[in-house]
Amino acid sequence: MGRADEAVAADKEARELDPRSVEGATSLGWTFYYAHRYPEAIGEFQTSLAMNPNLPGPQQGIAFSYLQRGMEKETIEAFQKFITTSGNAELASEMGQACQIRLPDGNA
């Protein structure tokens, strides 16, 4: 609806009221993501994961944020962690093998 700034302000206020809320950090991360403020989204998702590294939601959010920033290696690693945290370690391994990144010097 074109009101991203209002959404960010509301979520920031909620975070200030309960700064130790993993849900609040995750919510603000998604709000930043949908506002196309990817560096800030990554920061909030990292905050969420520091509070609870076993949550798939913030891991998925950080993966999508890396993807939007063109950070290929980080995107793959984050998606692997997301899949692992969501309970499918075998799929994470297969994804890593299928999506190997080749760097300009030829190293993986």
PDB file of N, CA and C in Angstrom:
ATOM      1  N   MET A   1       0.820  -1.193   0.000  1.00  0.00           N
ATOM      2  CA  MET A   1       0.000   0.000   0.000  1.00  0.00           C
ATOM      3  C   MET A   1       0.867   1.262   0.000  1.00  0.00           C
ATOM      4  N   GLY A   2       2.186   1.102  -0.108  1.00  0.00           N
ATOM      5  CA  GLY A   2       3.053   2.263  -0.162  1.00  0.00           C
ATOM      6  C   GLY A   2       3.283   2.942   1.176  1.00  0.00           C
ATOM      7  N   ARG A   3       3.097   2.197   2.246  1.00  0.00           N
ATOM      8  CA  ARG A   3       3.258   2.799   3.577  1.00  0.00           C
ATOM      9  C   ARG A   3       4.379   2.094   4.356  1.00  0.00           C
ATOM     10  N   ALA A   4       5.443   1.774   3.660  1.00  0.00           N
ATOM     11  CA  ALA A   4       6.558   1.036   4.273  1.00  0.00           C
ATOM     12  C   ALA A   4       7.169   1.789   5.447  1.00  0.00           C
ATOM     13  N   ASP A   5       7.301   3.101   5.314  1.00  0.00           N
ATOM     14  CA  ASP A   5       7.911   3.882   6.397  1.00  0.00           C
ATOM     15  C   ASP A   5       7.085   3.797   7.680  1.00  0.00           C
ATOM     16  N   GLU A   6       5.770   3.799   7.541  1.00  0.00           N
ATOM     17  CA  GLU A   6       4.898   3.680   8.710  1.00  0.00           C
ATOM     18  C   GLU A   6       5.035   2.300   9.347  1.00  0.00           C
ATOM     19  N   ALA A   7       5.128   1.275   8.512  1.00  0.00           N
ATOM     20  CA  ALA A   7       5.281  -0.088   9.025  1.00  0.00           C
ATOM     21  C   ALA A   7       6.599  -0.235   9.769  1.00  0.00           C
ATOM     22  N   VAL A   8       7.677   0.311   9.201  1.00  0.00           N
ATOM     23  CA  VAL A   8       8.980   0.256   9.859  1.00  0.00           C
ATOM     24  C   VAL A   8       8.914   0.980  11.199  1.00  0.00           C
ATOM     25  N   ALA A   9       8.310   2.153  11.223  1.00  0.00           N
ATOM     26  CA  ALA A   9       8.214   2.927  12.467  1.00  0.00           C
ATOM     27  C   ALA A   9       7.444   2.158  13.535  1.00  0.00           C
ATOM     28  N   ALA A  10       6.348   1.518  13.157  1.00  0.00           N
ATOM     29  CA  ALA A  10       5.545   0.757  14.115  1.00  0.00           C
ATOM     30  C   ALA A  10       6.320  -0.438  14.654  1.00  0.00           C
ATOM     31  N   ASP A  11       7.019  -1.152  13.774  1.00  0.00           N
ATOM     32  CA  ASP A  11       7.803  -2.308  14.225  1.00  0.00           C
ATOM     33  C   ASP A  11       8.990  -1.880  15.085  1.00  0.00           C
ATOM     34  N   LYS A  12       9.609  -0.740  14.754  1.00  0.00           N
ATOM     35  CA  LYS A  12      10.710  -0.237  15.574  1.00  0.00           C
ATOM     36  C   LYS A  12      10.220   0.102  16.978  1.00  0.00           C
ATOM     37  N   GLU A  13       9.052   0.690  17.049  1.00  0.00           N
ATOM     38  CA  GLU A  13       8.476   1.031  18.349  1.00  0.00           C
ATOM     39  C   GLU A  13       8.222  -0.229  19.169  1.00  0.00           C
ATOM     40  N   ALA A  14       7.699  -1.255  18.530  1.00  0.00           N
ATOM     41  CA  ALA A  14       7.461  -2.525  19.220  1.00  0.00           C
ATOM     42  C   ALA A  14       8.776  -3.125  19.719  1.00  0.00           C
ATOM     43  N   ARG A  15       9.839  -3.033  18.902  1.00  0.00           N
ATOM     44  CA  ARG A  15      11.154  -3.558  19.309  1.00  0.00           C
ATOM     45  C   ARG A  15      11.683  -2.803  20.516  1.00  0.00           C
ATOM     46  N   GLU A  16      11.462  -1.484  20.552  1.00  0.00           N
ATOM     47  CA  GLU A  16      11.925  -0.687  21.680  1.00  0.00           C
ATOM     48  C   GLU A  16      11.196  -1.068  22.962  1.00  0.00           C
ATOM     49  N   LEU A  17       9.924  -1.425  22.849  1.00  0.00           N
ATOM     50  CA  LEU A  17       9.143  -1.824  24.021  1.00  0.00           C
ATOM     51  C   LEU A  17       9.599  -3.163  24.581  1.00  0.00           C
ATOM     52  N   ASP A  18      10.080  -4.053  23.704  1.00  0.00           N
ATOM     53  CA  ASP A  18      10.546  -5.371  24.141  1.00  0.00           C
ATOM     54  C   ASP A  18      11.780  -5.764  23.333  1.00  0.00           C
ATOM     55  N   PRO A  19      12.933  -5.179  23.674  1.00  0.00           N
ATOM     56  CA  PRO A  19      14.135  -5.394  22.873  1.00  0.00           C
ATOM     57  C   PRO A  19      14.663  -6.830  22.891  1.00  0.00           C
ATOM     58  N   ARG A  20      14.216  -7.647  23.831  1.00  0.00           N
ATOM     59  CA  ARG A  20      14.690  -9.035  23.903  1.00  0.00           C
ATOM     60  C   ARG A  20      13.744 -10.014  23.228  1.00  0.00           C
ATOM     61  N   SER A  21      12.780  -9.489  22.508  1.00  0.00           N
ATOM     62  CA  SER A  21      11.809 -10.342  21.832  1.00  0.00           C
ATOM     63  C   SER A  21      12.348 -10.815  20.486  1.00  0.00           C
ATOM     64  N   VAL A  22      12.550 -12.112  20.368  1.00  0.00           N
ATOM     65  CA  VAL A  22      13.013 -12.671  19.098  1.00  0.00           C
ATOM     66  C   VAL A  22      11.950 -12.479  18.016  1.00  0.00           C
ATOM     67  N   GLU A  23      10.686 -12.564  18.411  1.00  0.00           N
ATOM     68  CA  GLU A  23       9.596 -12.356  17.455  1.00  0.00           C
ATOM     69  C   GLU A  23       9.587 -10.920  16.942  1.00  0.00           C
ATOM     70  N   GLY A  24       9.885  -9.967  17.838  1.00  0.00           N
ATOM     71  CA  GLY A  24       9.930  -8.567  17.437  1.00  0.00           C
ATOM     72  C   GLY A  24      11.054  -8.292  16.448  1.00  0.00           C
ATOM     73  N   ALA A  25      12.221  -8.884  16.711  1.00  0.00           N
ATOM     74  CA  ALA A  25      13.351  -8.704  15.794  1.00  0.00           C
ATOM     75  C   ALA A  25      13.049  -9.342  14.441  1.00  0.00           C
ATOM     76  N   THR A  26      12.429 -10.522  14.472  1.00  0.00           N
ATOM     77  CA  THR A  26      12.092 -11.203  13.219  1.00  0.00           C
ATOM     78  C   THR A  26      11.056 -10.401  12.437  1.00  0.00           C
ATOM     79  N   SER A  27      10.058  -9.890  13.136  1.00  0.00           N
ATOM     80  CA  SER A  27       9.026  -9.091  12.476  1.00  0.00           C
ATOM     81  C   SER A  27       9.628  -7.841  11.839  1.00  0.00           C
ATOM     82  N   LEU A  28      10.499  -7.162  12.577  1.00  0.00           N
ATOM     83  CA  LEU A  28      11.134  -5.964  12.026  1.00  0.00           C
ATOM     84  C   LEU A  28      12.021  -6.338  10.835  1.00  0.00           C
ATOM     85  N   GLY A  29      12.677  -7.489  10.907  1.00  0.00           N
ATOM     86  CA  GLY A  29      13.480  -7.956   9.783  1.00  0.00           C
ATOM     87  C   GLY A  29      12.645  -8.112   8.524  1.00  0.00           C
ATOM     88  N   TRP A  30      11.479  -8.748   8.665  1.00  0.00           N
ATOM     89  CA  TRP A  30      10.607  -8.925   7.495  1.00  0.00           C
ATOM     90  C   TRP A  30      10.061  -7.589   7.006  1.00  0.00           C
ATOM     91  N   THR A  31       9.783  -6.672   7.935  1.00  0.00           N
ATOM     92  CA  THR A  31       9.301  -5.353   7.525  1.00  0.00           C
ATOM     93  C   THR A  31      10.372  -4.632   6.714  1.00  0.00           C
ATOM     94  N   PHE A  32      11.612  -4.671   7.184  1.00  0.00           N
ATOM     95  CA  PHE A  32      12.718  -4.087   6.416  1.00  0.00           C
ATOM     96  C   PHE A  32      12.856  -4.777   5.057  1.00  0.00           C
ATOM     97  N   TYR A  33      12.715  -6.099   5.048  1.00  0.00           N
ATOM     98  CA  TYR A  33      12.844  -6.846   3.790  1.00  0.00           C
ATOM     99  C   TYR A  33      11.810  -6.354   2.771  1.00  0.00           C
ATOM    100  N   TYR A  34      10.552  -6.294   3.191  1.00  0.00           N
ATOM    101  CA  TYR A  34       9.490  -5.876   2.265  1.00  0.00           C
ATOM    102  C   TYR A  34       9.585  -4.398   1.894  1.00  0.00           C
ATOM    103  N   ALA A  35      10.326  -3.620   2.694  1.00  0.00           N
ATOM    104  CA  ALA A  35      10.570  -2.211   2.370  1.00  0.00           C
ATOM    105  C   ALA A  35      11.829  -2.062   1.507  1.00  0.00           C
ATOM    106  N   HIS A  36      12.423  -3.189   1.119  1.00  0.00           N
ATOM    107  CA  HIS A  36      13.638  -3.210   0.290  1.00  0.00           C
ATOM    108  C   HIS A  36      14.838  -2.596   1.008  1.00  0.00           C
ATOM    109  N   ARG A  37      14.849  -2.716   2.317  1.00  0.00           N
ATOM    110  CA  ARG A  37      15.961  -2.226   3.141  1.00  0.00           C
ATOM    111  C   ARG A  37      16.734  -3.457   3.639  1.00  0.00           C
ATOM    112  N   TYR A  38      17.404  -4.102   2.689  1.00  0.00           N
ATOM    113  CA  TYR A  38      18.003  -5.407   2.937  1.00  0.00           C
ATOM    114  C   TYR A  38      19.120  -5.412   3.979  1.00  0.00           C
ATOM    115  N   PRO A  39      20.027  -4.443   3.999  1.00  0.00           N
ATOM    116  CA  PRO A  39      21.061  -4.471   5.051  1.00  0.00           C
ATOM    117  C   PRO A  39      20.454  -4.432   6.460  1.00  0.00           C
ATOM    118  N   GLU A  40      19.416  -3.614   6.639  1.00  0.00           N
ATOM    119  CA  GLU A  40      18.763  -3.534   7.943  1.00  0.00           C
ATOM    120  C   GLU A  40      18.010  -4.823   8.252  1.00  0.00           C
ATOM    121  N   ALA A  41      17.422  -5.427   7.225  1.00  0.00           N
ATOM    122  CA  ALA A  41      16.741  -6.714   7.410  1.00  0.00           C
ATOM    123  C   ALA A  41      17.736  -7.766   7.885  1.00  0.00           C
ATOM    124  N   ILE A  42      18.887  -7.819   7.236  1.00  0.00           N
ATOM    125  CA  ILE A  42      19.921  -8.781   7.618  1.00  0.00           C
ATOM    126  C   ILE A  42      20.307  -8.576   9.080  1.00  0.00           C
ATOM    127  N   GLY A  43      20.473  -7.332   9.486  1.00  0.00           N
ATOM    128  CA  GLY A  43      20.831  -7.036  10.879  1.00  0.00           C
ATOM    129  C   GLY A  43      19.804  -7.544  11.869  1.00  0.00           C
ATOM    130  N   GLU A  44      18.530  -7.326  11.571  1.00  0.00           N
ATOM    131  CA  GLU A  44      17.477  -7.794  12.482  1.00  0.00           C
ATOM    132  C   GLU A  44      17.385  -9.319  12.502  1.00  0.00           C
ATOM    133  N   PHE A  45      17.523  -9.939  11.334  1.00  0.00           N
ATOM    134  CA  PHE A  45      17.495 -11.401  11.305  1.00  0.00           C
ATOM    135  C   PHE A  45      18.686 -11.975  12.072  1.00  0.00           C
ATOM    136  N   GLN A  46      19.850 -11.331  11.961  1.00  0.00           N
ATOM    137  CA  GLN A  46      21.018 -11.775  12.725  1.00  0.00           C
ATOM    138  C   GLN A  46      20.768 -11.632  14.225  1.00  0.00           C
ATOM    139  N   THR A  47      20.093 -10.554  14.628  1.00  0.00           N
ATOM    140  CA  THR A  47      19.733 -10.366  16.035  1.00  0.00           C
ATOM    141  C   THR A  47      18.830 -11.498  16.499  1.00  0.00           C
ATOM    142  N   SER A  48      17.835 -11.844  15.685  1.00  0.00           N
ATOM    143  CA  SER A  48      16.925 -12.946  16.022  1.00  0.00           C
ATOM    144  C   SER A  48      17.691 -14.244  16.197  1.00  0.00           C
ATOM    145  N   LEU A  49      18.601 -14.517  15.254  1.00  0.00           N
ATOM    146  CA  LEU A  49      19.357 -15.771  15.295  1.00  0.00           C
ATOM    147  C   LEU A  49      20.339 -15.800  16.462  1.00  0.00           C
ATOM    148  N   ALA A  50      20.823 -14.642  16.880  1.00  0.00           N
ATOM    149  CA  ALA A  50      21.690 -14.599  18.060  1.00  0.00           C
ATOM    150  C   ALA A  50      20.900 -14.981  19.310  1.00  0.00           C
ATOM    151  N   MET A  51      19.617 -14.619  19.338  1.00  0.00           N
ATOM    152  CA  MET A  51      18.766 -14.960  20.475  1.00  0.00           C
ATOM    153  C   MET A  51      18.334 -16.422  20.434  1.00  0.00           C
ATOM    154  N   ASN A  52      18.086 -16.937  19.221  1.00  0.00           N
ATOM    155  CA  ASN A  52      17.672 -18.336  19.071  1.00  0.00           C
ATOM    156  C   ASN A  52      18.091 -18.825  17.688  1.00  0.00           C
ATOM    157  N   PRO A  53      19.232 -19.498  17.598  1.00  0.00           N
ATOM    158  CA  PRO A  53      19.751 -19.935  16.296  1.00  0.00           C
ATOM    159  C   PRO A  53      18.963 -21.071  15.651  1.00  0.00           C
ATOM    160  N   ASN A  54      17.985 -21.611  16.348  1.00  0.00           N
ATOM    161  CA  ASN A  54      17.227 -22.754  15.821  1.00  0.00           C
ATOM    162  C   ASN A  54      15.907 -22.381  15.170  1.00  0.00           C
ATOM    163  N   LEU A  55      15.703 -21.096  14.922  1.00  0.00           N
ATOM    164  CA  LEU A  55      14.453 -20.659  14.302  1.00  0.00           C
ATOM    165  C   LEU A  55      14.601 -20.593  12.787  1.00  0.00           C
ATOM    166  N   PRO A  56      13.759 -21.291  12.045  1.00  0.00           N
ATOM    167  CA  PRO A  56      13.879 -21.245  10.588  1.00  0.00           C
ATOM    168  C   PRO A  56      13.441 -19.916   9.972  1.00  0.00           C
ATOM    169  N   GLY A  57      12.489 -19.213  10.569  1.00  0.00           N
ATOM    170  CA  GLY A  57      11.971 -17.967   9.985  1.00  0.00           C
ATOM    171  C   GLY A  57      13.041 -16.911   9.745  1.00  0.00           C
ATOM    172  N   PRO A  58      13.831 -16.553  10.771  1.00  0.00           N
ATOM    173  CA  PRO A  58      14.881 -15.565  10.541  1.00  0.00           C
ATOM    174  C   PRO A  58      15.963 -16.078   9.587  1.00  0.00           C
ATOM    175  N   GLN A  59      16.207 -17.381   9.617  1.00  0.00           N
ATOM    176  CA  GLN A  59      17.206 -17.937   8.701  1.00  0.00           C
ATOM    177  C   GLN A  59      16.728 -17.808   7.258  1.00  0.00           C
ATOM    178  N   GLN A  60      15.456 -18.045   7.028  1.00  0.00           N
ATOM    179  CA  GLN A  60      14.888 -17.872   5.686  1.00  0.00           C
ATOM    180  C   GLN A  60      14.953 -16.403   5.282  1.00  0.00           C
ATOM    181  N   GLY A  61      14.632 -15.517   6.206  1.00  0.00           N
ATOM    182  CA  GLY A  61      14.663 -14.088   5.915  1.00  0.00           C
ATOM    183  C   GLY A  61      16.046 -13.595   5.547  1.00  0.00           C
ATOM    184  N   ILE A  62      17.047 -14.070   6.267  1.00  0.00           N
ATOM    185  CA  ILE A  62      18.407 -13.640   5.956  1.00  0.00           C
ATOM    186  C   ILE A  62      18.835 -14.182   4.595  1.00  0.00           C
ATOM    187  N   ALA A  63      18.411 -15.401   4.259  1.00  0.00           N
ATOM    188  CA  ALA A  63      18.746 -15.977   2.948  1.00  0.00           C
ATOM    189  C   ALA A  63      18.128 -15.152   1.822  1.00  0.00           C
ATOM    190  N   PHE A  64      16.858 -14.800   1.964  1.00  0.00           N
ATOM    191  CA  PHE A  64      16.206 -13.988   0.937  1.00  0.00           C
ATOM    192  C   PHE A  64      16.841 -12.600   0.832  1.00  0.00           C
ATOM    193  N   SER A  65      17.251 -12.043   1.974  1.00  0.00           N
ATOM    194  CA  SER A  65      17.891 -10.727   1.964  1.00  0.00           C
ATOM    195  C   SER A  65      19.238 -10.784   1.250  1.00  0.00           C
ATOM    196  N   TYR A  66      20.021 -11.829   1.521  1.00  0.00           N
ATOM    197  CA  TYR A  66      21.285 -12.005   0.808  1.00  0.00           C
ATOM    198  C   TYR A  66      21.031 -12.152  -0.692  1.00  0.00           C
ATOM    199  N   LEU A  67      20.013 -12.898  -1.040  1.00  0.00           N
ATOM    200  CA  LEU A  67      19.673 -13.103  -2.451  1.00  0.00           C
ATOM    201  C   LEU A  67      19.382 -11.764  -3.128  1.00  0.00           C
ATOM    202  N   GLN A  68      18.617 -10.920  -2.479  1.00  0.00           N
ATOM    203  CA  GLN A  68      18.267  -9.620  -3.045  1.00  0.00           C
ATOM    204  C   GLN A  68      19.491  -8.717  -3.215  1.00  0.00           C
ATOM    205  N   ARG A  69      20.503  -8.939  -2.396  1.00  0.00           N
ATOM    206  CA  ARG A  69      21.731  -8.132  -2.479  1.00  0.00           C
ATOM    207  C   ARG A  69      22.757  -8.734  -3.425  1.00  0.00           C
ATOM    208  N   GLY A  70      22.434  -9.890  -4.014  1.00  0.00           N
ATOM    209  CA  GLY A  70      23.357 -10.514  -4.960  1.00  0.00           C
ATOM    210  C   GLY A  70      24.532 -11.210  -4.295  1.00  0.00           C
ATOM    211  N   MET A  71      24.374 -11.569  -3.046  1.00  0.00           N
ATOM    212  CA  MET A  71      25.443 -12.213  -2.273  1.00  0.00           C
ATOM    213  C   MET A  71      25.296 -13.730  -2.413  1.00  0.00           C
ATOM    214  N   GLU A  72      25.800 -14.262  -3.529  1.00  0.00           N
ATOM    215  CA  GLU A  72      25.521 -15.653  -3.897  1.00  0.00           C
ATOM    216  C   GLU A  72      25.996 -16.671  -2.861  1.00  0.00           C
ATOM    217  N   LYS A  73      27.247 -16.580  -2.465  1.00  0.00           N
ATOM    218  CA  LYS A  73      27.786 -17.558  -1.515  1.00  0.00           C
ATOM    219  C   LYS A  73      27.012 -17.524  -0.198  1.00  0.00           C
ATOM    220  N   GLU A  74      26.777 -16.326   0.319  1.00  0.00           N
ATOM    221  CA  GLU A  74      26.047 -16.175   1.572  1.00  0.00           C
ATOM    222  C   GLU A  74      24.619 -16.685   1.444  1.00  0.00           C
ATOM    223  N   THR A  75      24.006 -16.459   0.263  1.00  0.00           N
ATOM    224  CA  THR A  75      22.635 -16.929   0.021  1.00  0.00           C
ATOM    225  C   THR A  75      22.569 -18.444   0.132  1.00  0.00           C
ATOM    226  N   ILE A  76      23.478 -19.124  -0.531  1.00  0.00           N
ATOM    227  CA  ILE A  76      23.466 -20.592  -0.510  1.00  0.00           C
ATOM    228  C   ILE A  76      23.687 -21.110   0.904  1.00  0.00           C
ATOM    229  N   GLU A  77      24.665 -20.539   1.602  1.00  0.00           N
ATOM    230  CA  GLU A  77      24.931 -20.975   2.971  1.00  0.00           C
ATOM    231  C   GLU A  77      23.716 -20.745   3.871  1.00  0.00           C
ATOM    232  N   ALA A  78      23.070 -19.595   3.706  1.00  0.00           N
ATOM    233  CA  ALA A  78      21.910 -19.285   4.541  1.00  0.00           C
ATOM    234  C   ALA A  78      20.731 -20.196   4.214  1.00  0.00           C
ATOM    235  N   PHE A  79      20.519 -20.490   2.926  1.00  0.00           N
ATOM    236  CA  PHE A  79      19.436 -21.414   2.582  1.00  0.00           C
ATOM    237  C   PHE A  79      19.723 -22.813   3.118  1.00  0.00           C
ATOM    238  N   GLN A  80      20.984 -23.233   3.092  1.00  0.00           N
ATOM    239  CA  GLN A  80      21.334 -24.531   3.669  1.00  0.00           C
ATOM    240  C   GLN A  80      21.009 -24.551   5.161  1.00  0.00           C
ATOM    241  N   LYS A  81      21.364 -23.479   5.875  1.00  0.00           N
ATOM    242  CA  LYS A  81      21.055 -23.407   7.304  1.00  0.00           C
ATOM    243  C   LYS A  81      19.545 -23.399   7.528  1.00  0.00           C
ATOM    244  N   PHE A  82      18.829 -22.668   6.663  1.00  0.00           N
ATOM    245  CA  PHE A  82      17.370 -22.634   6.782  1.00  0.00           C
ATOM    246  C   PHE A  82      16.782 -24.035   6.635  1.00  0.00           C
ATOM    247  N   ILE A  83      17.230 -24.751   5.622  1.00  0.00           N
ATOM    248  CA  ILE A  83      16.691 -26.098   5.392  1.00  0.00           C
ATOM    249  C   ILE A  83      17.058 -27.014   6.552  1.00  0.00           C
ATOM    250  N   THR A  84      18.276 -26.899   7.045  1.00  0.00           N
ATOM    251  CA  THR A  84      18.699 -27.716   8.179  1.00  0.00           C
ATOM    252  C   THR A  84      17.869 -27.394   9.417  1.00  0.00           C
ATOM    253  N   THR A  85      17.681 -26.091   9.698  1.00  0.00           N
ATOM    254  CA  THR A  85      16.894 -25.705  10.881  1.00  0.00           C
ATOM    255  C   THR A  85      15.445 -26.113  10.759  1.00  0.00           C
ATOM    256  N   SER A  86      14.965 -26.183   9.531  1.00  0.00           N
ATOM    257  CA  SER A  86      13.570 -26.589   9.359  1.00  0.00           C
ATOM    258  C   SER A  86      13.425 -28.104   9.414  1.00  0.00           C
ATOM    259  N   GLY A  87      14.556 -28.831   9.542  1.00  0.00           N
ATOM    260  CA  GLY A  87      14.479 -30.265   9.791  1.00  0.00           C
ATOM    261  C   GLY A  87      14.844 -31.168   8.640  1.00  0.00           C
ATOM    262  N   ASN A  88      15.421 -30.655   7.565  1.00  0.00           N
ATOM    263  CA  ASN A  88      15.735 -31.514   6.427  1.00  0.00           C
ATOM    264  C   ASN A  88      17.218 -31.356   6.055  1.00  0.00           C
ATOM    265  N   ALA A  89      18.093 -31.949   6.867  1.00  0.00           N
ATOM    266  CA  ALA A  89      19.533 -31.826   6.670  1.00  0.00           C
ATOM    267  C   ALA A  89      19.984 -32.445   5.354  1.00  0.00           C
ATOM    268  N   GLU A  90      19.347 -33.513   4.921  1.00  0.00           N
ATOM    269  CA  GLU A  90      19.733 -34.160   3.663  1.00  0.00           C
ATOM    270  C   GLU A  90      19.509 -33.220   2.481  1.00  0.00           C
ATOM    271  N   LEU A  91      18.381 -32.523   2.469  1.00  0.00           N
ATOM    272  CA  LEU A  91      18.097 -31.568   1.401  1.00  0.00           C
ATOM    273  C   LEU A  91      19.114 -30.435   1.416  1.00  0.00           C
ATOM    274  N   ALA A  92      19.525 -29.996   2.588  1.00  0.00           N
ATOM    275  CA  ALA A  92      20.529 -28.938   2.695  1.00  0.00           C
ATOM    276  C   ALA A  92      21.839 -29.379   2.053  1.00  0.00           C
ATOM    277  N   SER A  93      22.236 -30.597   2.294  1.00  0.00           N
ATOM    278  CA  SER A  93      23.467 -31.121   1.704  1.00  0.00           C
ATOM    279  C   SER A  93      23.357 -31.201   0.187  1.00  0.00           C
ATOM    280  N   GLU A  94      22.220 -31.697  -0.301  1.00  0.00           N
ATOM    281  CA  GLU A  94      22.010 -31.791  -1.747  1.00  0.00           C
ATOM    282  C   GLU A  94      22.025 -30.409  -2.393  1.00  0.00           C
ATOM    283  N   MET A  95      21.425 -29.440  -1.723  1.00  0.00           N
ATOM    284  CA  MET A  95      21.391 -28.085  -2.255  1.00  0.00           C
ATOM    285  C   MET A  95      22.799 -27.524  -2.373  1.00  0.00           C
ATOM    286  N   GLY A  96      23.616 -27.757  -1.361  1.00  0.00           N
ATOM    287  CA  GLY A  96      24.991 -27.278  -1.392  1.00  0.00           C
ATOM    288  C   GLY A  96      25.770 -27.874  -2.550  1.00  0.00           C
ATOM    289  N   GLN A  97      25.550 -29.133  -2.827  1.00  0.00           N
ATOM    290  CA  GLN A  97      26.236 -29.783  -3.939  1.00  0.00           C
ATOM    291  C   GLN A  97      25.725 -29.260  -5.279  1.00  0.00           C
ATOM    292  N   ALA A  98      24.436 -29.035  -5.384  1.00  0.00           N
ATOM    293  CA  ALA A  98      23.839 -28.603  -6.650  1.00  0.00           C
ATOM    294  C   ALA A  98      24.144 -27.142  -6.964  1.00  0.00           C
ATOM    295  N   CYS A  99      24.398 -26.339  -5.948  1.00  0.00           N
ATOM    296  CA  CYS A  99      24.555 -24.897  -6.143  1.00  0.00           C
ATOM    297  C   CYS A  99      25.965 -24.408  -5.884  1.00  0.00           C
ATOM    298  N   GLN A 100      26.956 -25.225  -6.137  1.00  0.00           N
ATOM    299  CA  GLN A 100      28.337 -24.809  -5.903  1.00  0.00           C
ATOM    300  C   GLN A 100      28.638 -23.559  -6.721  1.00  0.00           C
ATOM    301  N   ILE A 101      29.249 -22.607  -6.062  1.00  0.00           N
ATOM    302  CA  ILE A 101      29.597 -21.348  -6.734  1.00  0.00           C
ATOM    303  C   ILE A 101      31.039 -21.456  -7.231  1.00  0.00           C
ATOM    304  N   ARG A 102      31.250 -21.074  -8.462  1.00  0.00           N
ATOM    305  CA  ARG A 102      32.601 -21.011  -9.005  1.00  0.00           C
ATOM    306  C   ARG A 102      33.056 -19.559  -8.996  1.00  0.00           C
ATOM    307  N   LEU A 103      34.152 -19.310  -8.341  1.00  0.00           N
ATOM    308  CA  LEU A 103      34.703 -17.965  -8.285  1.00  0.00           C
ATOM    309  C   LEU A 103      35.512 -17.697  -9.544  1.00  0.00           C
ATOM    310  N   PRO A 104      35.780 -16.435  -9.865  1.00  0.00           N
ATOM    311  CA  PRO A 104      36.505 -16.108 -11.106  1.00  0.00           C
ATOM    312  C   PRO A 104      37.838 -16.823 -11.265  1.00  0.00           C
ATOM    313  N   ASP A 105      38.508 -17.151 -10.165  1.00  0.00           N
ATOM    314  CA  ASP A 105      39.792 -17.829 -10.286  1.00  0.00           C
ATOM    315  C   ASP A 105      39.657 -19.331 -10.477  1.00  0.00           C
ATOM    316  N   GLY A 106      38.405 -19.823 -10.540  1.00  0.00           N
ATOM    317  CA  GLY A 106      38.154 -21.242 -10.796  1.00  0.00           C
ATOM    318  C   GLY A 106      38.002 -22.072  -9.537  1.00  0.00           C
ATOM    319  N   ASN A 107      38.173 -21.457  -8.357  1.00  0.00           N
ATOM    320  CA  ASN A 107      38.016 -22.204  -7.117  1.00  0.00           C
ATOM    321  C   ASN A 107      36.556 -22.198  -6.700  1.00  0.00           C
ATOM    322  N   ALA A 108      36.152 -23.252  -6.033  1.00  0.00           N
ATOM    323  CA  ALA A 108      34.768 -23.333  -5.542  1.00  0.00           C
ATOM    324  C   ALA A 108      34.664 -22.662  -4.205  1.00  0.00           C
TER     325      ALA A 108
END
